[in-house]
Amino acid sequence: MSDDLKIRLLVVDDEQSIRKLCMTIGNTLGYSCTEAESAEAALAKLDADVPDLILTDLKLPTISGVELLKQAKMILPRAEIAIMTGHGSIESAVDAMKLGAYDYIEKPFRVEKMRLLLQRMAEKVRLVTDNEFLRERVNTETNLDGIIGTSANIQDVLRMVSRLKDTRTPVLVSGESGTGKELVARAIHFRGALAQTPFVAVDCGSLVPTLMESELFGYEKGAFTGAIKTKAGLFQAANGGTIFLDEIGELPLEMQAKLLRVLQEKEVRPVGSNEKVHVDVRVIAATNRDLEAAYREGTFRKDLYFRLNVVTVHLPALRDRRSDIPMLVHHFLDRYAPETHLQVTTAAMNSLLNYEWPGNIRELENCIARAITLGDRRVIDVSDLPPSIRSEQAASASAPLQDVASLSTTALAEMEKMTILRVFEQANGDKAMAGRLLGISRATLYRKLKRYNIPLRSGPGESEDASEETAQRVE
């Protein structure tokens, strides 16, 4: 089982021997265990470790176990908390149960009794989580913007969403481009306690380097040429809610250092200002890069990586969840051709199931949208699928097995170039429309046009000079 899916136990006691004993019992049950010697230390850990179970002594230095219970329940209302107490404090322990404690256990306790208590608490956590998970499944099957799929790895993703949605823990969403990382971020935000607060999505890869700081943190009037009035940044816009930093690995090192300070101090300093502004935001970051390898190579800050990587939600590639493809296909058919009852032939579905999907769900969505647009709106057959899928099917039948890996990168680049060319032509040079059709930002589109040497064309109401100027700004 992934460490992120294990039951997490936090043991709070000022006696080290008691902490070690309880953690040993927890470890034998397969839990992920941490410890704290005081209520203050425990409260400091709540955001980082997000325990499912808390086992605390009633009498702690400075802050009591009852006060810890009250504060922990405010931060993590779904956590189950048990009280350890001496014989003379049972009445206080019973009072703690009235405040929301799961149960109490007297010291000295038998190992087997503690084991049973922890098992009962964990079972309640699992029941609550599974009920949330089932509700998420119902929601996603009826919500056009839901996370679609019943494969085991997608069920794990939904369970993580259920566990994270009511916390303010930093979350790192990893996965290849097109797997739906922003969808997971939105699910964590909009299905939880912060649903009525702001959700601000930032594509770090599309931010112009010279404007990054002012975009994220705001600026004062007169801070630079063109700053004719004070403007709040994206962090201030997300105050009280969630900021989603997509493709966090694209931030330059200088900006990473400034972002780290914001996360640590919970303050931003607008460009041109000497005053700091307090911000309270939950950070969800996403990347299609291996950030651990990046920090080892020196291209990503190690301290920022560990600050963001408190909990990781990994989204599988579509080729690793092929059983979800039929459900996704019909989901997109319902989205783009509602009430038409379009059918997909067995041959076409087999082609979709056997294709490698380097562009993942985004590529599948574009594939179905294309088939609906160019087909007869009655049946989708192999001939309605993009040439890249048909050609790969033909090649896979005859190409030697050892050549497949070497062909994949080239095939992906060629397919991406063909797709951009086709969509760019269909949009008559309208870059904003082409970006929407491809599911990428306008800045990302400019970079890809440059990479594949596709000549820039002016869209409606845009001059060639304006196109060139925009491309140079993006560079």
Protein backbone atom coordinates (compact mmCIF):
# COMPACT_ATOMS: atom_id res chain seq x y z
CA MET A 1 0.00 0.00 0.00
CA SER A 2 1.21 3.52 -0.78
CA ASP A 3 2.38 5.44 2.32
CA ASP A 4 -0.09 8.20 1.41
CA LEU A 5 -2.98 5.71 1.73
CA LYS A 6 -1.88 4.21 5.07
CA ILE A 7 -3.71 5.10 8.28
CA ARG A 8 -1.64 7.84 9.97
CA LEU A 9 -1.26 7.76 13.75
CA LEU A 10 0.09 10.62 15.87
CA VAL A 11 1.08 9.74 19.47
CA VAL A 12 1.28 12.65 21.94
CA ASP A 13 2.82 12.02 25.37
CA ASP A 14 5.62 13.60 27.39
CA GLU A 15 6.95 10.14 28.29
CA GLN A 16 9.14 8.76 25.53
CA SER A 17 8.60 5.13 26.62
CA ILE A 18 4.82 5.49 26.18
CA ARG A 19 5.25 7.10 22.77
CA LYS A 20 7.57 4.33 21.58
CA LEU A 21 5.24 1.59 22.84
CA CYS A 22 2.18 3.10 21.13
CA MET A 23 4.11 3.63 17.89
CA THR A 24 5.34 0.03 17.96
CA ILE A 25 1.74 -1.17 18.29
CA GLY A 26 0.70 1.14 15.45
CA ASN A 27 3.54 -0.08 13.23
CA THR A 28 2.51 -3.72 13.75
CA LEU A 29 -0.96 -2.74 12.49
CA GLY A 30 0.56 -1.25 9.32
CA TYR A 31 0.00 2.39 10.29
CA SER A 32 2.31 5.30 9.47
CA CYS A 33 3.29 6.63 12.92
CA THR A 34 4.70 9.92 14.19
CA GLU A 35 5.18 11.30 17.70
CA ALA A 36 5.06 14.56 19.65
CA GLU A 37 6.16 15.27 23.22
CA SER A 38 3.69 18.14 23.79
CA ALA A 39 0.42 19.58 22.52
CA GLU A 40 2.30 22.46 20.89
CA ALA A 41 4.52 20.04 18.96
CA ALA A 42 1.46 18.02 17.95
CA LEU A 43 -0.40 21.07 16.65
CA ALA A 44 2.66 22.06 14.61
CA LYS A 45 2.58 18.62 12.95
CA LEU A 46 -1.11 18.62 12.03
CA ASP A 47 -0.72 20.55 8.77
CA ALA A 48 2.28 18.54 7.63
CA ASP A 49 1.36 14.99 8.66
CA VAL A 50 -2.48 15.11 8.58
CA PRO A 51 -3.06 12.21 11.01
CA ASP A 52 -6.17 10.07 10.81
CA LEU A 53 -5.79 8.97 14.45
CA ILE A 54 -4.45 10.93 17.43
CA LEU A 55 -3.59 9.21 20.69
CA THR A 56 -2.90 11.80 23.40
CA ASP A 57 -2.19 11.80 27.10
CA LEU A 58 -4.69 13.80 29.14
CA LYS A 59 -2.01 15.57 31.18
CA LEU A 60 0.58 17.31 29.02
CA PRO A 61 3.00 20.18 29.78
CA THR A 62 1.43 23.66 29.40
CA ILE A 63 -1.52 22.66 27.14
CA SER A 64 -3.73 19.76 28.25
CA GLY A 65 -4.91 16.85 26.14
CA VAL A 66 -8.47 18.24 26.29
CA GLU A 67 -7.34 21.56 24.82
CA LEU A 68 -5.37 19.68 22.16
CA LEU A 69 -8.56 17.75 21.37
CA LYS A 70 -10.53 20.98 20.91
CA GLN A 71 -7.94 22.58 18.62
CA ALA A 72 -7.25 19.40 16.64
CA LYS A 73 -10.97 18.90 15.97
CA MET A 74 -11.19 22.43 14.59
CA ILE A 75 -8.28 21.79 12.21
CA LEU A 76 -9.07 18.14 11.34
CA PRO A 77 -12.76 17.50 12.08
CA ARG A 78 -12.58 13.97 10.63
CA ALA A 79 -9.63 12.79 12.75
CA GLU A 80 -10.40 10.29 15.51
CA ILE A 81 -8.84 11.14 18.88
CA ALA A 82 -8.42 8.90 21.93
CA ILE A 83 -7.34 9.98 25.41
CA MET A 84 -4.82 8.17 27.62
CA THR A 85 -5.44 8.86 31.29
CA GLY A 86 -4.43 7.82 34.78
CA HIS A 87 -6.93 6.23 37.20
CA GLY A 88 -7.66 9.49 38.98
CA SER A 89 -8.58 11.40 35.81
CA ILE A 90 -11.29 9.17 34.33
CA GLU A 91 -13.98 11.81 34.90
CA SER A 92 -11.97 14.30 32.82
CA ALA A 93 -11.55 11.67 30.11
CA VAL A 94 -15.31 11.13 30.00
CA ASP A 95 -15.77 14.90 29.65
CA ALA A 96 -13.31 14.79 26.74
CA MET A 97 -15.54 12.22 25.01
CA LYS A 98 -18.40 14.70 25.22
CA LEU A 99 -16.16 17.12 23.30
CA GLY A 100 -15.63 14.63 20.50
CA ALA A 101 -12.99 12.13 21.71
CA TYR A 102 -13.51 8.64 20.30
CA ASP A 103 -12.71 6.83 23.58
CA TYR A 104 -10.27 6.78 26.49
CA ILE A 105 -7.87 4.15 27.82
CA GLU A 106 -6.41 3.92 31.31
CA LYS A 107 -2.70 3.79 32.03
CA PRO A 108 -1.03 1.40 32.45
CA PHE A 109 -2.75 -0.40 29.57
CA ARG A 110 -2.39 -3.85 28.09
CA VAL A 111 -0.91 -4.00 24.60
CA GLU A 112 -3.86 -6.00 23.29
CA LYS A 113 -6.35 -3.45 24.62
CA MET A 114 -4.48 -0.61 22.92
CA ARG A 115 -4.32 -2.63 19.70
CA LEU A 116 -8.11 -3.15 19.72
CA LEU A 117 -8.72 0.55 20.42
CA LEU A 118 -6.54 1.60 17.48
CA GLN A 119 -8.19 -0.98 15.21
CA ARG A 120 -11.68 0.29 16.10
CA MET A 121 -10.64 3.89 15.48
CA ALA A 122 -9.06 2.99 12.13
CA GLU A 123 -12.17 1.07 11.08
CA LYS A 124 -14.31 4.15 11.71
CA VAL A 125 -11.90 6.28 9.64
CA ARG A 126 -12.06 3.74 6.79
CA LEU A 127 -15.86 3.63 6.88
CA VAL A 128 -16.08 7.44 6.70
CA THR A 129 -13.50 7.52 3.89
CA ASP A 130 -15.27 4.78 1.92
CA ASN A 131 -18.62 6.57 2.28
CA GLU A 132 -17.01 9.77 0.99
CA PHE A 133 -15.40 7.77 -1.81
CA LEU A 134 -18.75 6.26 -2.85
CA ARG A 135 -20.32 9.72 -2.87
CA GLU A 136 -17.44 10.95 -5.04
CA ARG A 137 -18.06 8.05 -7.43
CA VAL A 138 -21.73 9.03 -7.72
CA ASN A 139 -20.77 12.69 -8.22
CA THR A 140 -18.18 11.94 -10.87
CA GLU A 141 -20.53 9.74 -12.84
CA THR A 142 -23.11 12.53 -13.01
CA ASN A 143 -20.79 15.52 -13.19
CA LEU A 144 -19.43 16.44 -16.64
CA ASP A 145 -16.31 17.83 -15.03
CA GLY A 146 -15.76 14.81 -12.78
CA ILE A 147 -12.86 12.39 -12.62
CA ILE A 148 -14.07 9.54 -14.83
CA GLY A 149 -13.00 5.94 -14.30
CA THR A 150 -13.33 2.82 -12.17
CA SER A 151 -9.80 1.40 -12.45
CA ALA A 152 -7.97 0.69 -9.19
CA ASN A 153 -5.46 3.53 -9.57
CA ILE A 154 -8.21 6.09 -10.24
CA GLN A 155 -10.10 4.81 -7.20
CA ASP A 156 -6.94 5.51 -5.19
CA VAL A 157 -6.92 9.06 -6.57
CA LEU A 158 -10.55 9.57 -5.53
CA ARG A 159 -9.83 8.26 -2.07
CA MET A 160 -6.98 10.73 -1.74
CA VAL A 161 -9.31 13.55 -2.86
CA SER A 162 -11.79 12.52 -0.15
CA ARG A 163 -9.07 12.57 2.49
CA LEU A 164 -7.51 15.88 1.43
CA LYS A 165 -10.51 18.02 0.58
CA ASP A 166 -11.12 19.29 4.12
CA THR A 167 -7.47 19.95 5.01
CA ARG A 168 -5.15 22.85 4.24
CA THR A 169 -2.20 20.55 3.60
CA PRO A 170 0.05 21.39 0.63
CA VAL A 171 -0.54 18.84 -2.13
CA LEU A 172 1.68 17.94 -5.08
CA VAL A 173 -0.18 16.44 -8.05
CA SER A 174 2.12 14.56 -10.40
CA GLY A 175 1.48 12.97 -13.76
CA GLU A 176 2.09 13.30 -17.46
CA SER A 177 0.63 16.17 -19.46
CA GLY A 178 -3.04 15.63 -20.20
CA THR A 179 -3.81 13.29 -17.29
CA GLY A 180 -6.14 15.77 -15.53
CA LYS A 181 -4.01 17.33 -12.79
CA GLU A 182 -6.07 20.54 -12.63
CA LEU A 183 -9.22 18.42 -12.44
CA VAL A 184 -7.87 16.79 -9.26
CA ALA A 185 -6.95 20.20 -7.80
CA ARG A 186 -10.47 21.48 -8.49
CA ALA A 187 -11.99 18.34 -6.97
CA ILE A 188 -9.96 18.79 -3.76
CA HIS A 189 -11.09 22.42 -3.54
CA PHE A 190 -14.71 22.36 -4.68
CA ARG A 191 -15.74 19.16 -2.91
CA GLY A 192 -14.44 20.25 0.46
CA ALA A 193 -14.79 22.83 3.18
CA LEU A 194 -13.20 25.56 1.04
CA ALA A 195 -15.67 25.19 -1.83
CA GLN A 196 -17.13 28.67 -1.30
CA THR A 197 -13.70 30.34 -1.20
CA PRO A 198 -11.59 31.48 -4.18
CA PHE A 199 -9.83 28.96 -6.43
CA VAL A 200 -7.08 30.54 -8.53
CA ALA A 201 -5.28 28.49 -11.19
CA VAL A 202 -1.84 29.65 -12.35
CA ASP A 203 -0.05 28.16 -15.37
CA CYS A 204 3.56 28.71 -14.27
CA GLY A 205 4.81 27.65 -17.70
CA SER A 206 2.98 30.49 -19.42
CA LEU A 207 4.04 33.32 -17.10
CA VAL A 208 6.34 35.80 -18.80
CA PRO A 209 9.59 35.74 -16.73
CA THR A 210 9.82 39.52 -16.38
CA LEU A 211 6.24 39.73 -15.11
CA MET A 212 6.13 36.65 -12.85
CA GLU A 213 6.65 38.45 -9.55
CA SER A 214 4.08 41.16 -10.24
CA GLU A 215 1.53 38.58 -11.47
CA LEU A 216 1.89 36.38 -8.40
CA PHE A 217 2.43 38.98 -5.68
CA GLY A 218 0.93 42.18 -7.14
CA TYR A 219 2.47 45.62 -7.52
CA GLU A 220 2.18 49.19 -6.31
CA LYS A 221 1.28 52.14 -8.49
CA GLY A 222 4.40 53.45 -10.21
CA ALA A 223 6.44 50.31 -9.46
CA PHE A 224 7.40 50.09 -13.14
CA THR A 225 6.50 51.63 -16.47
CA GLY A 226 2.82 50.97 -17.11
CA ALA A 227 1.89 50.42 -13.45
CA ILE A 228 -0.71 53.17 -13.45
CA LYS A 229 -2.54 51.77 -10.43
CA THR A 230 -2.00 49.33 -7.57
CA LYS A 231 -2.94 45.76 -8.42
CA ALA A 232 -3.32 42.72 -6.16
CA GLY A 233 -1.49 39.56 -7.19
CA LEU A 234 -2.82 36.06 -7.70
CA PHE A 235 -1.89 35.00 -4.16
CA GLN A 236 -3.99 37.84 -2.76
CA ALA A 237 -6.82 36.89 -5.11
CA ALA A 238 -6.72 33.37 -3.64
CA ASN A 239 -6.66 34.57 -0.02
CA GLY A 240 -8.78 32.30 2.15
CA GLY A 241 -8.97 29.65 -0.55
CA THR A 242 -6.71 27.62 -2.83
CA ILE A 243 -4.04 28.57 -5.33
CA PHE A 244 -3.20 25.94 -7.96
CA LEU A 245 0.33 26.27 -9.32
CA ASP A 246 0.34 24.20 -12.51
CA GLU A 247 3.70 23.09 -13.94
CA ILE A 248 5.54 24.36 -10.87
CA GLY A 249 8.77 22.90 -12.25
CA GLU A 250 8.85 25.62 -14.93
CA LEU A 251 9.50 28.41 -12.40
CA PRO A 252 13.07 29.82 -12.55
CA LEU A 253 15.23 29.36 -9.44
CA GLU A 254 14.97 33.05 -8.45
CA MET A 255 11.18 32.82 -8.44
CA GLN A 256 11.29 29.53 -6.54
CA ALA A 257 13.16 31.28 -3.70
CA LYS A 258 10.51 34.01 -3.49
CA LEU A 259 7.71 31.45 -3.58
CA LEU A 260 9.35 29.51 -0.74
CA ARG A 261 9.41 32.64 1.42
CA VAL A 262 5.71 33.21 0.78
CA LEU A 263 4.87 29.64 1.78
CA GLN A 264 6.96 29.86 4.95
CA GLU A 265 5.95 33.34 6.08
CA LYS A 266 2.40 33.40 4.65
CA GLU A 267 3.10 36.93 3.43
CA VAL A 268 3.64 38.53 0.03
CA ARG A 269 5.44 41.75 -0.77
CA PRO A 270 4.00 43.49 -3.86
CA VAL A 271 6.55 44.82 -6.35
CA GLY A 272 7.46 48.40 -5.42
CA SER A 273 6.12 48.12 -1.87
CA ASN A 274 7.91 47.99 1.49
CA GLU A 275 4.86 46.52 3.21
CA LYS A 276 4.07 42.82 3.46
CA VAL A 277 0.51 41.56 2.97
CA HIS A 278 -0.69 38.50 4.91
CA VAL A 279 -2.20 35.72 2.79
CA ASP A 280 -3.84 32.50 3.96
CA VAL A 281 -3.97 30.08 1.04
CA ARG A 282 -3.85 26.33 0.53
CA VAL A 283 -1.28 25.49 -2.13
CA ILE A 284 -1.81 22.70 -4.64
CA ALA A 285 1.07 22.35 -7.09
CA ALA A 286 1.26 20.16 -10.18
CA THR A 287 4.07 18.95 -12.39
CA ASN A 288 4.75 16.56 -15.24
CA ARG A 289 8.46 16.57 -14.35
CA ASP A 290 10.36 14.46 -11.83
CA LEU A 291 10.97 17.16 -9.23
CA GLU A 292 13.12 14.89 -7.08
CA ALA A 293 15.48 14.39 -10.00
CA ALA A 294 15.27 18.12 -10.75
CA TYR A 295 16.41 19.16 -7.28
CA ARG A 296 19.23 16.63 -7.41
CA GLU A 297 20.30 18.20 -10.70
CA GLY A 298 20.08 21.68 -9.18
CA THR A 299 17.21 22.93 -11.38
CA PHE A 300 14.63 22.90 -8.58
CA ARG A 301 15.12 24.02 -4.99
CA LYS A 302 15.31 21.12 -2.55
CA ASP A 303 13.70 23.09 0.30
CA LEU A 304 10.78 24.12 -1.93
CA TYR A 305 10.34 20.53 -3.10
CA PHE A 306 9.97 19.26 0.47
CA ARG A 307 7.72 22.20 1.35
CA LEU A 308 5.34 21.29 -1.48
CA ASN A 309 5.68 17.52 -1.34
CA VAL A 310 3.78 16.94 1.92
CA VAL A 311 1.22 14.69 0.21
CA THR A 312 1.54 13.50 -3.39
CA VAL A 313 -1.35 12.48 -5.61
CA HIS A 314 -0.04 10.66 -8.68
CA LEU A 315 -2.27 10.54 -11.75
CA PRO A 316 -1.66 7.46 -13.92
CA ALA A 317 -1.13 7.74 -17.65
CA LEU A 318 -4.09 6.67 -19.77
CA ARG A 319 -2.13 3.68 -21.11
CA ASP A 320 -1.91 2.46 -17.49
CA ARG A 321 -5.71 2.57 -17.04
CA ARG A 322 -6.96 1.24 -20.35
CA SER A 323 -10.06 -0.26 -18.72
CA ASP A 324 -11.35 3.32 -18.26
CA ILE A 325 -11.13 4.17 -21.98
CA PRO A 326 -14.66 2.95 -22.95
CA MET A 327 -16.19 4.97 -20.10
CA LEU A 328 -14.18 8.05 -21.07
CA VAL A 329 -15.15 7.65 -24.74
CA HIS A 330 -18.87 7.61 -23.90
CA HIS A 331 -18.39 10.50 -21.50
CA PHE A 332 -16.94 12.61 -24.33
CA LEU A 333 -19.62 11.41 -26.75
CA ASP A 334 -22.25 12.67 -24.30
CA ARG A 335 -20.40 15.96 -23.96
CA TYR A 336 -19.87 16.73 -27.64
CA ALA A 337 -22.88 14.98 -29.17
CA PRO A 338 -25.65 14.91 -26.55
CA GLU A 339 -28.81 12.97 -27.40
CA THR A 340 -27.40 11.65 -30.69
CA HIS A 341 -26.80 8.06 -29.42
CA LEU A 342 -23.59 7.77 -31.41
CA GLN A 343 -22.14 4.25 -31.54
CA VAL A 344 -18.49 3.23 -31.67
CA THR A 345 -17.65 0.15 -33.75
CA THR A 346 -15.74 -2.71 -32.14
CA ALA A 347 -12.81 -2.12 -34.47
CA ALA A 348 -12.64 1.56 -33.54
CA MET A 349 -12.85 0.80 -29.81
CA ASN A 350 -10.08 -1.80 -30.18
CA SER A 351 -7.93 0.83 -31.90
CA LEU A 352 -8.56 3.24 -29.03
CA LEU A 353 -7.77 0.55 -26.46
CA ASN A 354 -4.52 -0.46 -28.15
CA TYR A 355 -3.16 3.05 -28.80
CA GLU A 356 -0.48 4.32 -26.39
CA TRP A 357 -2.08 7.79 -25.81
CA PRO A 358 1.05 9.93 -25.31
CA GLY A 359 -1.27 12.93 -24.87
CA ASN A 360 -3.41 11.02 -22.35
CA ILE A 361 -7.02 12.04 -21.67
CA ARG A 362 -6.66 15.40 -23.40
CA GLU A 363 -5.63 13.59 -26.59
CA LEU A 364 -8.53 11.13 -26.25
CA GLU A 365 -10.97 14.02 -25.83
CA ASN A 366 -9.63 15.75 -28.94
CA CYS A 367 -9.79 12.44 -30.82
CA ILE A 368 -13.49 11.95 -30.00
CA ALA A 369 -14.33 15.60 -30.76
CA ARG A 370 -12.63 15.22 -34.16
CA ALA A 371 -14.45 11.97 -34.92
CA ILE A 372 -17.79 13.58 -34.13
CA THR A 373 -17.03 16.66 -36.24
CA LEU A 374 -15.77 14.77 -39.31
CA GLY A 375 -17.97 11.67 -39.07
CA ASP A 376 -21.57 11.00 -40.09
CA ARG A 377 -22.83 11.48 -36.49
CA ARG A 378 -24.25 7.96 -36.47
CA VAL A 379 -21.30 5.61 -36.07
CA ILE A 380 -17.63 6.19 -35.27
CA ASP A 381 -15.41 3.76 -37.15
CA VAL A 382 -11.65 3.36 -37.51
CA SER A 383 -11.70 5.66 -40.55
CA ASP A 384 -12.99 8.49 -38.32
CA LEU A 385 -10.00 8.28 -36.00
CA PRO A 386 -6.90 10.50 -36.42
CA PRO A 387 -4.22 9.22 -38.82
CA SER A 388 -1.73 8.86 -35.97
CA ILE A 389 -3.93 6.22 -34.30
CA ARG A 390 -4.63 4.36 -37.53
CA SER A 391 -0.97 4.43 -38.60
CA GLU A 392 0.26 3.29 -35.20
CA GLN A 393 -2.19 0.39 -35.29
CA ALA A 394 -0.85 -0.67 -38.66
CA ALA A 395 2.76 -0.20 -37.60
CA SER A 396 2.31 -2.13 -34.35
CA ALA A 397 1.22 -5.18 -36.29
CA SER A 398 4.41 -5.28 -38.39
CA ALA A 399 7.14 -3.38 -36.51
CA PRO A 400 9.67 -5.48 -34.59
CA LEU A 401 9.10 -5.36 -30.85
CA GLN A 402 12.52 -3.84 -30.14
CA ASP A 403 11.76 -0.85 -32.41
CA VAL A 404 8.62 0.28 -30.57
CA ALA A 405 10.42 2.11 -27.76
CA SER A 406 12.70 3.97 -30.17
CA LEU A 407 9.75 5.03 -32.32
CA SER A 408 7.58 6.33 -29.49
CA THR A 409 9.30 9.68 -28.90
CA THR A 410 9.50 10.50 -32.61
CA ALA A 411 5.90 9.41 -33.15
CA LEU A 412 4.75 11.62 -30.27
CA ALA A 413 6.52 14.69 -31.65
CA GLU A 414 5.21 14.10 -35.16
CA MET A 415 1.68 13.50 -33.89
CA GLU A 416 1.81 16.68 -31.80
CA LYS A 417 3.04 18.68 -34.79
CA MET A 418 0.30 17.24 -37.06
CA THR A 419 -2.38 17.95 -34.46
CA ILE A 420 -1.25 21.56 -33.96
CA LEU A 421 -1.09 22.16 -37.72
CA ARG A 422 -4.58 20.77 -38.24
CA VAL A 423 -6.15 22.69 -35.36
CA PHE A 424 -4.25 25.88 -36.27
CA GLU A 425 -5.63 25.67 -39.80
CA GLN A 426 -9.16 24.94 -38.58
CA ALA A 427 -9.00 27.98 -36.30
CA ASN A 428 -7.96 30.19 -39.27
CA GLY A 429 -4.92 31.42 -37.39
CA ASP A 430 -6.89 32.36 -34.26
CA LYS A 431 -4.33 31.43 -31.62
CA ALA A 432 -6.68 31.82 -28.65
CA MET A 433 -9.19 29.45 -30.28
CA ALA A 434 -6.44 27.00 -31.28
CA GLY A 435 -5.16 26.98 -27.71
CA ARG A 436 -8.65 26.21 -26.39
CA LEU A 437 -9.15 23.40 -28.90
CA LEU A 438 -5.79 21.89 -27.97
CA GLY A 439 -6.32 22.42 -24.26
CA ILE A 440 -3.14 24.48 -23.83
CA SER A 441 -2.42 28.10 -22.98
CA ARG A 442 -1.68 30.65 -25.69
CA ALA A 443 1.92 31.02 -24.49
CA THR A 444 2.42 27.24 -24.65
CA LEU A 445 1.00 27.27 -28.19
CA TYR A 446 3.56 29.91 -29.25
CA ARG A 447 6.38 27.80 -27.85
CA LYS A 448 5.19 24.72 -29.72
CA LEU A 449 4.76 26.66 -32.98
CA LYS A 450 8.36 27.81 -32.63
CA ARG A 451 9.61 24.32 -31.71
CA TYR A 452 8.08 22.73 -34.81
CA ASN A 453 8.95 25.69 -37.10
CA ILE A 454 5.29 26.32 -37.85
CA PRO A 455 5.02 29.85 -39.32
CA LEU A 456 3.06 32.33 -37.25
CA ARG A 457 -0.13 33.61 -38.85
CA SER A 458 -2.16 36.53 -37.67
CA GLY A 459 -5.60 35.67 -36.33
CA PRO A 460 -8.77 37.73 -36.80
CA GLY A 461 -8.11 41.33 -35.86
CA GLU A 462 -4.42 40.69 -35.22
CA SER A 463 -1.55 41.98 -37.30
CA GLU A 464 1.55 39.97 -38.24
CA ASP A 465 3.64 42.43 -36.21
CA ALA A 466 1.49 41.78 -33.14
CA SER A 467 1.99 38.03 -33.58
CA GLU A 468 5.76 38.45 -33.73
CA GLU A 469 5.75 40.76 -30.73
CA THR A 470 3.76 38.27 -28.66
CA ALA A 471 6.07 35.43 -29.66
CA GLN A 472 9.12 37.44 -28.60
CA ARG A 473 7.50 38.27 -25.27
CA VAL A 474 6.84 34.59 -24.60
CA GLU A 475 10.47 33.75 -25.39
